[in-house]
Amino acid sequence: MSKKEILDVWRNMPVYKLIIEELISKPQGLSVRELLAVLKKEHGVELNRNELHSALLKLEMNGLVYVEHIGNELVARLSPDFMKNICRS
């Protein structure tokens, strides 16, 4: 069973978890454009930029990721304190 087929059955997978999983696998970070493409291709989740920005903001406020401008693009990375913040949750 493919990842997409599994997610079609379990549609309750929080987008926050998917974002964290992708950022763990890409420690250099992902741009918003790349994140949107990966979420659609790998997980079958289509978000618009506003939805993704909202999810990233919540993750950033909880100290799990940080988002910065690099050139004309926003890039999300795991927070340096990611493990510490996960353990206290």
N, C-alpha and C. Protein backbone atom coordinates (compact mmCIF):
# COMPACT_ATOMS: atom_id res chain seq x y z
N MET A 1 0.86 -1.18 0.00
CA MET A 1 0.00 0.00 0.00
C MET A 1 0.90 1.24 0.00
N SER A 2 0.65 2.15 -0.89
CA SER A 2 1.47 3.36 -1.00
C SER A 2 1.11 4.34 0.11
N LYS A 3 1.99 5.31 0.30
CA LYS A 3 1.77 6.35 1.31
C LYS A 3 0.48 7.12 1.01
N LYS A 4 0.25 7.41 -0.27
CA LYS A 4 -0.95 8.15 -0.66
C LYS A 4 -2.21 7.34 -0.36
N GLU A 5 -2.18 6.03 -0.63
CA GLU A 5 -3.33 5.18 -0.34
C GLU A 5 -3.63 5.12 1.16
N ILE A 6 -2.58 5.06 1.95
CA ILE A 6 -2.76 5.05 3.40
C ILE A 6 -3.40 6.35 3.85
N LEU A 7 -2.91 7.48 3.33
CA LEU A 7 -3.46 8.77 3.74
C LEU A 7 -4.88 8.98 3.23
N ASP A 8 -5.23 8.33 2.11
CA ASP A 8 -6.61 8.41 1.64
C ASP A 8 -7.55 7.74 2.64
N VAL A 9 -7.07 6.72 3.32
CA VAL A 9 -7.86 6.04 4.35
C VAL A 9 -7.85 6.87 5.63
N TRP A 10 -6.69 7.35 6.02
CA TRP A 10 -6.52 8.10 7.26
C TRP A 10 -6.35 9.57 6.94
N ARG A 11 -7.41 10.27 6.66
CA ARG A 11 -7.35 11.67 6.28
C ARG A 11 -7.18 12.59 7.48
N ASN A 12 -7.14 12.04 8.68
CA ASN A 12 -7.02 12.87 9.88
C ASN A 12 -5.57 13.18 10.23
N MET A 13 -4.63 12.85 9.35
CA MET A 13 -3.21 13.14 9.61
C MET A 13 -3.04 14.65 9.67
N PRO A 14 -2.64 15.18 10.82
CA PRO A 14 -2.49 16.64 10.93
C PRO A 14 -1.39 17.16 10.00
N VAL A 15 -1.67 18.27 9.37
CA VAL A 15 -0.70 18.86 8.46
C VAL A 15 0.57 19.24 9.23
N TYR A 16 0.43 19.58 10.52
CA TYR A 16 1.60 19.92 11.33
C TYR A 16 2.58 18.76 11.38
N LYS A 17 2.05 17.56 11.57
CA LYS A 17 2.90 16.37 11.64
C LYS A 17 3.60 16.13 10.31
N LEU A 18 2.88 16.31 9.22
CA LEU A 18 3.48 16.12 7.90
C LEU A 18 4.61 17.12 7.66
N ILE A 19 4.40 18.37 8.06
CA ILE A 19 5.43 19.40 7.89
C ILE A 19 6.67 19.02 8.71
N ILE A 20 6.47 18.64 9.96
CA ILE A 20 7.60 18.25 10.82
C ILE A 20 8.34 17.06 10.22
N GLU A 21 7.62 16.05 9.74
CA GLU A 21 8.26 14.89 9.13
C GLU A 21 9.13 15.29 7.95
N GLU A 22 8.62 16.17 7.11
CA GLU A 22 9.39 16.60 5.94
C GLU A 22 10.61 17.41 6.36
N LEU A 23 10.47 18.26 7.37
CA LEU A 23 11.61 19.06 7.81
C LEU A 23 12.67 18.21 8.51
N ILE A 24 12.25 17.16 9.18
CA ILE A 24 13.22 16.23 9.79
C ILE A 24 14.05 15.57 8.69
N SER A 25 13.40 15.21 7.60
CA SER A 25 14.11 14.54 6.51
C SER A 25 14.96 15.51 5.67
N LYS A 26 14.72 16.81 5.81
CA LYS A 26 15.48 17.83 5.07
C LYS A 26 16.01 18.86 6.06
N PRO A 27 17.10 18.54 6.78
CA PRO A 27 17.60 19.47 7.81
C PRO A 27 18.05 20.83 7.28
N GLN A 28 18.34 20.92 5.97
CA GLN A 28 18.72 22.21 5.39
C GLN A 28 17.52 23.14 5.25
N GLY A 29 16.31 22.59 5.40
CA GLY A 29 15.10 23.38 5.31
C GLY A 29 14.43 23.26 3.96
N LEU A 30 13.21 23.72 3.90
CA LEU A 30 12.43 23.70 2.67
C LEU A 30 11.75 25.05 2.48
N SER A 31 11.73 25.51 1.26
CA SER A 31 11.00 26.75 0.97
C SER A 31 9.50 26.44 1.00
N VAL A 32 8.70 27.47 1.09
CA VAL A 32 7.25 27.31 1.08
C VAL A 32 6.82 26.62 -0.21
N ARG A 33 7.40 27.03 -1.31
CA ARG A 33 7.09 26.42 -2.61
C ARG A 33 7.41 24.92 -2.60
N GLU A 34 8.59 24.56 -2.07
CA GLU A 34 8.99 23.16 -2.00
C GLU A 34 8.08 22.37 -1.06
N LEU A 35 7.74 22.96 0.08
CA LEU A 35 6.86 22.29 1.03
C LEU A 35 5.49 22.01 0.41
N LEU A 36 4.93 22.99 -0.29
CA LEU A 36 3.65 22.79 -0.94
C LEU A 36 3.72 21.64 -1.95
N ALA A 37 4.81 21.60 -2.72
CA ALA A 37 4.98 20.55 -3.73
C ALA A 37 5.13 19.18 -3.08
N VAL A 38 5.93 19.09 -2.02
CA VAL A 38 6.16 17.80 -1.34
C VAL A 38 4.88 17.30 -0.68
N LEU A 39 4.16 18.19 -0.03
CA LEU A 39 2.91 17.79 0.63
C LEU A 39 1.92 17.25 -0.40
N LYS A 40 1.87 17.87 -1.56
CA LYS A 40 0.95 17.42 -2.61
C LYS A 40 1.41 16.10 -3.21
N LYS A 41 2.69 16.02 -3.56
CA LYS A 41 3.21 14.84 -4.25
C LYS A 41 3.31 13.62 -3.33
N GLU A 42 3.89 13.79 -2.17
CA GLU A 42 4.16 12.67 -1.27
C GLU A 42 2.96 12.27 -0.40
N HIS A 43 2.13 13.25 -0.06
CA HIS A 43 1.06 12.99 0.90
C HIS A 43 -0.34 13.23 0.35
N GLY A 44 -0.44 13.75 -0.86
CA GLY A 44 -1.74 14.01 -1.45
C GLY A 44 -2.52 15.12 -0.76
N VAL A 45 -1.79 16.02 -0.07
CA VAL A 45 -2.43 17.11 0.66
C VAL A 45 -2.23 18.40 -0.12
N GLU A 46 -3.32 19.02 -0.53
CA GLU A 46 -3.24 20.28 -1.26
C GLU A 46 -3.61 21.42 -0.32
N LEU A 47 -2.65 22.30 -0.08
CA LEU A 47 -2.86 23.48 0.73
C LEU A 47 -2.60 24.71 -0.12
N ASN A 48 -3.22 25.82 0.23
CA ASN A 48 -2.82 27.06 -0.40
C ASN A 48 -1.76 27.72 0.49
N ARG A 49 -1.15 28.77 0.00
CA ARG A 49 -0.07 29.42 0.75
C ARG A 49 -0.54 29.93 2.11
N ASN A 50 -1.75 30.47 2.18
CA ASN A 50 -2.25 30.99 3.45
C ASN A 50 -2.40 29.88 4.49
N GLU A 51 -2.89 28.72 4.09
CA GLU A 51 -3.03 27.59 5.01
C GLU A 51 -1.66 27.12 5.49
N LEU A 52 -0.70 27.05 4.58
CA LEU A 52 0.64 26.63 4.97
C LEU A 52 1.29 27.66 5.88
N HIS A 53 1.14 28.94 5.57
CA HIS A 53 1.70 29.99 6.42
C HIS A 53 1.11 29.91 7.82
N SER A 54 -0.19 29.66 7.92
CA SER A 54 -0.86 29.55 9.22
C SER A 54 -0.29 28.37 10.01
N ALA A 55 -0.12 27.23 9.35
CA ALA A 55 0.43 26.05 10.02
C ALA A 55 1.87 26.31 10.48
N LEU A 56 2.67 26.94 9.61
CA LEU A 56 4.06 27.24 9.97
C LEU A 56 4.12 28.23 11.13
N LEU A 57 3.22 29.20 11.16
CA LEU A 57 3.18 30.17 12.24
C LEU A 57 2.90 29.47 13.58
N LYS A 58 1.94 28.55 13.58
CA LYS A 58 1.64 27.82 14.82
C LYS A 58 2.83 26.97 15.27
N LEU A 59 3.48 26.32 14.32
CA LEU A 59 4.67 25.53 14.66
C LEU A 59 5.79 26.42 15.18
N GLU A 60 5.94 27.60 14.59
CA GLU A 60 6.98 28.53 15.02
C GLU A 60 6.68 29.07 16.42
N MET A 61 5.41 29.37 16.69
CA MET A 61 5.03 29.88 18.01
C MET A 61 5.25 28.83 19.11
N ASN A 62 5.19 27.56 18.74
CA ASN A 62 5.44 26.48 19.69
C ASN A 62 6.91 26.10 19.78
N GLY A 63 7.75 26.83 19.05
CA GLY A 63 9.19 26.60 19.12
C GLY A 63 9.68 25.37 18.38
N LEU A 64 8.89 24.86 17.45
CA LEU A 64 9.28 23.65 16.73
C LEU A 64 10.00 23.93 15.43
N VAL A 65 9.66 25.03 14.78
CA VAL A 65 10.33 25.42 13.54
C VAL A 65 10.65 26.91 13.59
N TYR A 66 11.50 27.33 12.69
CA TYR A 66 11.66 28.77 12.46
C TYR A 66 11.63 29.01 10.96
N VAL A 67 11.10 30.15 10.62
CA VAL A 67 10.93 30.52 9.22
C VAL A 67 11.69 31.81 8.99
N GLU A 68 12.45 31.84 7.89
CA GLU A 68 13.23 33.04 7.59
C GLU A 68 13.15 33.35 6.10
N HIS A 69 13.38 34.62 5.78
CA HIS A 69 13.45 35.04 4.38
C HIS A 69 14.84 34.75 3.85
N ILE A 70 14.91 34.06 2.75
CA ILE A 70 16.16 33.87 2.03
C ILE A 70 15.86 34.26 0.59
N GLY A 71 16.40 35.39 0.19
CA GLY A 71 16.06 35.94 -1.11
C GLY A 71 14.60 36.35 -1.13
N ASN A 72 13.87 35.89 -2.10
CA ASN A 72 12.44 36.21 -2.20
C ASN A 72 11.57 35.12 -1.62
N GLU A 73 12.16 34.14 -0.98
CA GLU A 73 11.43 32.95 -0.53
C GLU A 73 11.47 32.82 0.99
N LEU A 74 10.40 32.26 1.55
CA LEU A 74 10.39 31.89 2.96
C LEU A 74 10.89 30.46 3.06
N VAL A 75 11.81 30.23 3.99
CA VAL A 75 12.37 28.89 4.19
C VAL A 75 12.10 28.46 5.62
N ALA A 76 11.55 27.26 5.77
CA ALA A 76 11.24 26.69 7.09
C ALA A 76 12.30 25.65 7.44
N ARG A 77 12.72 25.69 8.69
CA ARG A 77 13.69 24.71 9.23
C ARG A 77 13.24 24.31 10.62
N LEU A 78 13.73 23.16 11.05
CA LEU A 78 13.47 22.78 12.44
C LEU A 78 14.19 23.74 13.35
N SER A 79 13.58 24.05 14.46
CA SER A 79 14.20 24.91 15.46
C SER A 79 15.40 24.19 16.06
N PRO A 80 16.46 24.94 16.41
CA PRO A 80 17.60 24.30 17.09
C PRO A 80 17.17 23.64 18.40
N ASP A 81 16.10 24.12 19.00
CA ASP A 81 15.61 23.57 20.26
C ASP A 81 14.47 22.58 20.04
N PHE A 82 14.36 22.03 18.84
CA PHE A 82 13.26 21.15 18.47
C PHE A 82 13.10 20.00 19.47
N MET A 83 14.16 19.27 19.75
CA MET A 83 14.07 18.10 20.64
C MET A 83 13.68 18.51 22.05
N LYS A 84 14.22 19.62 22.51
CA LYS A 84 13.88 20.09 23.86
C LYS A 84 12.39 20.44 23.93
N ASN A 85 11.87 21.09 22.91
CA ASN A 85 10.46 21.47 22.89
C ASN A 85 9.54 20.28 22.75
N ILE A 86 9.98 19.25 22.02
CA ILE A 86 9.17 18.04 21.87
C ILE A 86 9.09 17.31 23.22
N CYS A 87 10.19 17.25 23.92
CA CYS A 87 10.22 16.52 25.18
C CYS A 87 9.36 17.18 26.26
N ARG A 88 9.19 18.49 26.21
CA ARG A 88 8.38 19.16 27.24
C ARG A 88 6.90 19.14 26.92
N SER A 89 6.56 18.79 25.66
CA SER A 89 5.15 18.80 25.25
C SER A 89 4.39 17.65 25.84
